Amino acid sequence: MTLTALLVTLIIGAIAGWLAGLIVKGHGQGLLMNIVVGIVGAVIAGWLFPMLGIGMSVSAPIVGTIIFATIGAVILLVILRLIKQA
């Protein structure tokens, strides 16, 4: 992985984690946790969405990646909230 790819991954992870934290109220994290949540969310989305037959638009790959990663991060935060409440 090149330095540029690593930086893009970290930035997308941070944005996705931050957006997921805004969507799932009560989950404000710092920058590092936003990155981790966003990257894990991207992994979840990358695994789940193809199984559901959902593909990403090729016309806007960065925006699509941020949206997919954000949805995956929201799923992660909701699951963590449910586990925490149990």
N, C-alpha and C. Protein backbone atom coordinates (compact mmCIF):
# COMPACT_ATOMS: atom_id res chain seq x y z
N MET A 1 0.85 -1.17 0.00
CA MET A 1 0.00 0.00 0.00
C MET A 1 0.90 1.23 0.00
N THR A 2 0.60 2.13 -0.91
CA THR A 2 1.40 3.35 -1.00
C THR A 2 0.97 4.33 0.09
N LEU A 3 1.78 5.33 0.30
CA LEU A 3 1.48 6.35 1.30
C LEU A 3 0.19 7.09 0.95
N THR A 4 0.00 7.36 -0.33
CA THR A 4 -1.21 8.05 -0.76
C THR A 4 -2.45 7.20 -0.47
N ALA A 5 -2.39 5.91 -0.78
CA ALA A 5 -3.53 5.02 -0.52
C ALA A 5 -3.81 4.94 0.98
N LEU A 6 -2.77 4.90 1.79
CA LEU A 6 -2.94 4.86 3.23
C LEU A 6 -3.60 6.13 3.74
N LEU A 7 -3.18 7.27 3.25
CA LEU A 7 -3.77 8.55 3.67
C LEU A 7 -5.24 8.64 3.25
N VAL A 8 -5.55 8.21 2.03
CA VAL A 8 -6.93 8.23 1.56
C VAL A 8 -7.79 7.31 2.42
N THR A 9 -7.27 6.13 2.76
CA THR A 9 -7.99 5.19 3.61
C THR A 9 -8.26 5.80 4.98
N LEU A 10 -7.27 6.43 5.57
CA LEU A 10 -7.44 7.06 6.88
C LEU A 10 -8.44 8.21 6.84
N ILE A 11 -8.39 9.00 5.78
CA ILE A 11 -9.31 10.13 5.66
C ILE A 11 -10.74 9.63 5.47
N ILE A 12 -10.92 8.64 4.60
CA ILE A 12 -12.26 8.08 4.39
C ILE A 12 -12.77 7.45 5.68
N GLY A 13 -11.91 6.73 6.38
CA GLY A 13 -12.31 6.13 7.66
C GLY A 13 -12.71 7.18 8.67
N ALA A 14 -11.97 8.26 8.75
CA ALA A 14 -12.29 9.33 9.70
C ALA A 14 -13.63 9.98 9.37
N ILE A 15 -13.86 10.25 8.09
CA ILE A 15 -15.12 10.88 7.68
C ILE A 15 -16.29 9.93 7.95
N ALA A 16 -16.14 8.66 7.57
CA ALA A 16 -17.22 7.69 7.76
C ALA A 16 -17.51 7.49 9.24
N GLY A 17 -16.47 7.37 10.06
CA GLY A 17 -16.67 7.21 11.50
C GLY A 17 -17.33 8.42 12.13
N TRP A 18 -16.94 9.61 11.69
CA TRP A 18 -17.53 10.84 12.21
C TRP A 18 -19.01 10.93 11.83
N LEU A 19 -19.32 10.63 10.56
CA LEU A 19 -20.71 10.66 10.11
C LEU A 19 -21.55 9.63 10.86
N ALA A 20 -21.00 8.44 11.05
CA ALA A 20 -21.73 7.40 11.79
C ALA A 20 -21.98 7.84 13.23
N GLY A 21 -21.01 8.51 13.83
CA GLY A 21 -21.19 9.02 15.18
C GLY A 21 -22.29 10.06 15.26
N LEU A 22 -22.45 10.86 14.20
CA LEU A 22 -23.53 11.84 14.16
C LEU A 22 -24.88 11.16 13.98
N ILE A 23 -24.91 10.11 13.17
CA ILE A 23 -26.17 9.40 12.90
C ILE A 23 -26.61 8.61 14.12
N VAL A 24 -25.68 7.90 14.74
CA VAL A 24 -26.00 7.10 15.94
C VAL A 24 -25.67 7.98 17.13
N LYS A 25 -26.66 8.64 17.66
CA LYS A 25 -26.46 9.61 18.74
C LYS A 25 -25.83 8.94 19.97
N GLY A 26 -25.01 9.70 20.67
CA GLY A 26 -24.39 9.18 21.88
C GLY A 26 -23.11 8.43 21.63
N HIS A 27 -22.60 8.47 20.40
CA HIS A 27 -21.36 7.77 20.10
C HIS A 27 -20.32 8.74 19.55
N GLY A 28 -20.05 9.80 20.31
CA GLY A 28 -19.00 10.71 19.92
C GLY A 28 -17.64 10.11 20.25
N GLN A 29 -16.79 10.01 19.27
CA GLN A 29 -15.46 9.46 19.46
C GLN A 29 -14.42 10.50 19.07
N GLY A 30 -13.21 10.21 19.40
CA GLY A 30 -12.12 11.05 18.94
C GLY A 30 -11.70 10.66 17.53
N LEU A 31 -10.70 11.33 17.01
CA LEU A 31 -10.25 11.09 15.65
C LEU A 31 -9.81 9.64 15.43
N LEU A 32 -9.03 9.09 16.35
CA LEU A 32 -8.53 7.73 16.18
C LEU A 32 -9.68 6.72 16.16
N MET A 33 -10.64 6.87 17.06
CA MET A 33 -11.76 5.93 17.08
C MET A 33 -12.66 6.12 15.86
N ASN A 34 -12.80 7.36 15.37
CA ASN A 34 -13.55 7.58 14.13
C ASN A 34 -12.91 6.82 12.98
N ILE A 35 -11.58 6.87 12.90
CA ILE A 35 -10.87 6.16 11.84
C ILE A 35 -11.10 4.66 11.96
N VAL A 36 -10.96 4.13 13.17
CA VAL A 36 -11.14 2.69 13.38
C VAL A 36 -12.57 2.28 13.04
N VAL A 37 -13.55 3.02 13.55
CA VAL A 37 -14.96 2.70 13.28
C VAL A 37 -15.25 2.79 11.78
N GLY A 38 -14.72 3.80 11.13
CA GLY A 38 -14.93 3.97 9.69
C GLY A 38 -14.31 2.86 8.87
N ILE A 39 -13.11 2.45 9.22
CA ILE A 39 -12.44 1.37 8.47
C ILE A 39 -13.15 0.04 8.72
N VAL A 40 -13.50 -0.24 9.97
CA VAL A 40 -14.24 -1.47 10.27
C VAL A 40 -15.60 -1.43 9.58
N GLY A 41 -16.22 -0.27 9.55
CA GLY A 41 -17.49 -0.12 8.83
C GLY A 41 -17.34 -0.40 7.34
N ALA A 42 -16.23 0.04 6.76
CA ALA A 42 -15.99 -0.25 5.34
C ALA A 42 -15.81 -1.74 5.11
N VAL A 43 -15.15 -2.42 6.04
CA VAL A 43 -14.99 -3.87 5.92
C VAL A 43 -16.35 -4.56 6.02
N ILE A 44 -17.17 -4.13 6.97
CA ILE A 44 -18.52 -4.70 7.12
C ILE A 44 -19.33 -4.48 5.84
N ALA A 45 -19.30 -3.26 5.31
CA ALA A 45 -20.05 -2.96 4.09
C ALA A 45 -19.50 -3.75 2.90
N GLY A 46 -18.19 -3.87 2.82
CA GLY A 46 -17.58 -4.63 1.73
C GLY A 46 -17.92 -6.10 1.77
N TRP A 47 -18.23 -6.62 2.94
CA TRP A 47 -18.63 -8.02 3.07
C TRP A 47 -20.13 -8.18 2.87
N LEU A 48 -20.93 -7.27 3.47
CA LEU A 48 -22.38 -7.42 3.49
C LEU A 48 -23.05 -7.03 2.18
N PHE A 49 -22.68 -5.90 1.61
CA PHE A 49 -23.40 -5.38 0.46
C PHE A 49 -23.32 -6.27 -0.78
N PRO A 50 -22.18 -6.84 -1.13
CA PRO A 50 -22.17 -7.76 -2.27
C PRO A 50 -23.06 -8.98 -2.05
N MET A 51 -23.17 -9.44 -0.80
CA MET A 51 -24.05 -10.57 -0.51
C MET A 51 -25.51 -10.19 -0.74
N LEU A 52 -25.83 -8.90 -0.55
CA LEU A 52 -27.20 -8.42 -0.76
C LEU A 52 -27.43 -7.95 -2.20
N GLY A 53 -26.39 -8.02 -3.02
CA GLY A 53 -26.50 -7.62 -4.42
C GLY A 53 -26.46 -6.12 -4.62
N ILE A 54 -25.90 -5.39 -3.67
CA ILE A 54 -25.81 -3.93 -3.76
C ILE A 54 -24.41 -3.58 -4.23
N GLY A 55 -24.33 -2.81 -5.30
CA GLY A 55 -23.03 -2.41 -5.84
C GLY A 55 -22.82 -0.92 -5.67
N MET A 56 -21.56 -0.51 -5.80
CA MET A 56 -21.21 0.90 -5.65
C MET A 56 -21.15 1.56 -7.02
N SER A 57 -21.56 2.80 -7.09
CA SER A 57 -21.50 3.57 -8.33
C SER A 57 -20.05 3.82 -8.71
N VAL A 58 -19.76 3.63 -9.98
CA VAL A 58 -18.40 3.84 -10.46
C VAL A 58 -18.17 5.31 -10.79
N SER A 59 -19.23 6.08 -10.94
CA SER A 59 -19.09 7.48 -11.33
C SER A 59 -18.52 8.35 -10.21
N ALA A 60 -18.72 7.95 -8.96
CA ALA A 60 -18.20 8.72 -7.83
C ALA A 60 -17.62 7.75 -6.79
N PRO A 61 -16.44 7.18 -7.07
CA PRO A 61 -15.92 6.12 -6.19
C PRO A 61 -15.61 6.58 -4.77
N ILE A 62 -15.09 7.79 -4.59
CA ILE A 62 -14.75 8.24 -3.24
C ILE A 62 -16.03 8.50 -2.44
N VAL A 63 -16.99 9.18 -3.06
CA VAL A 63 -18.25 9.46 -2.37
C VAL A 63 -18.97 8.16 -2.06
N GLY A 64 -18.99 7.24 -3.02
CA GLY A 64 -19.62 5.94 -2.79
C GLY A 64 -18.95 5.17 -1.68
N THR A 65 -17.63 5.23 -1.62
CA THR A 65 -16.89 4.55 -0.57
C THR A 65 -17.21 5.15 0.79
N ILE A 66 -17.29 6.46 0.87
CA ILE A 66 -17.64 7.12 2.13
C ILE A 66 -19.05 6.72 2.57
N ILE A 67 -19.98 6.69 1.62
CA ILE A 67 -21.36 6.31 1.96
C ILE A 67 -21.42 4.86 2.44
N PHE A 68 -20.77 3.96 1.71
CA PHE A 68 -20.76 2.55 2.10
C PHE A 68 -20.11 2.38 3.47
N ALA A 69 -18.96 3.01 3.67
CA ALA A 69 -18.26 2.89 4.95
C ALA A 69 -19.09 3.47 6.09
N THR A 70 -19.80 4.56 5.82
CA THR A 70 -20.65 5.16 6.85
C THR A 70 -21.80 4.22 7.23
N ILE A 71 -22.42 3.61 6.23
CA ILE A 71 -23.51 2.66 6.52
C ILE A 71 -22.97 1.48 7.33
N GLY A 72 -21.81 0.96 6.94
CA GLY A 72 -21.20 -0.13 7.70
C GLY A 72 -20.85 0.29 9.12
N ALA A 73 -20.35 1.52 9.28
CA ALA A 73 -20.01 2.02 10.61
C ALA A 73 -21.26 2.21 11.47
N VAL A 74 -22.36 2.65 10.86
CA VAL A 74 -23.62 2.78 11.60
C VAL A 74 -24.07 1.40 12.07
N ILE A 75 -23.98 0.40 11.20
CA ILE A 75 -24.32 -0.97 11.59
C ILE A 75 -23.47 -1.40 12.78
N LEU A 76 -22.17 -1.13 12.71
CA LEU A 76 -21.25 -1.49 13.79
C LEU A 76 -21.65 -0.80 15.09
N LEU A 77 -21.91 0.49 15.05
CA LEU A 77 -22.25 1.23 16.27
C LEU A 77 -23.58 0.77 16.86
N VAL A 78 -24.55 0.45 16.00
CA VAL A 78 -25.83 -0.06 16.51
C VAL A 78 -25.64 -1.40 17.18
N ILE A 79 -24.85 -2.28 16.58
CA ILE A 79 -24.57 -3.59 17.19
C ILE A 79 -23.86 -3.39 18.53
N LEU A 80 -22.88 -2.50 18.58
CA LEU A 80 -22.17 -2.24 19.84
C LEU A 80 -23.10 -1.68 20.90
N ARG A 81 -24.04 -0.81 20.49
CA ARG A 81 -25.01 -0.26 21.44
C ARG A 81 -25.91 -1.36 21.98
N LEU A 82 -26.36 -2.27 21.11
CA LEU A 82 -27.22 -3.37 21.56
C LEU A 82 -26.48 -4.30 22.52
N ILE A 83 -25.22 -4.56 22.24
CA ILE A 83 -24.41 -5.41 23.13
C ILE A 83 -24.21 -4.72 24.47
N LYS A 84 -23.96 -3.42 24.44
CA LYS A 84 -23.73 -2.66 25.66
C LYS A 84 -24.97 -2.61 26.54
N GLN A 85 -26.15 -2.55 25.94
CA GLN A 85 -27.40 -2.49 26.68
C GLN A 85 -27.78 -3.84 27.28
N ALA A 86 -27.30 -4.91 26.68
CA ALA A 86 -27.68 -6.26 27.15
C ALA A 86 -27.01 -6.62 28.46
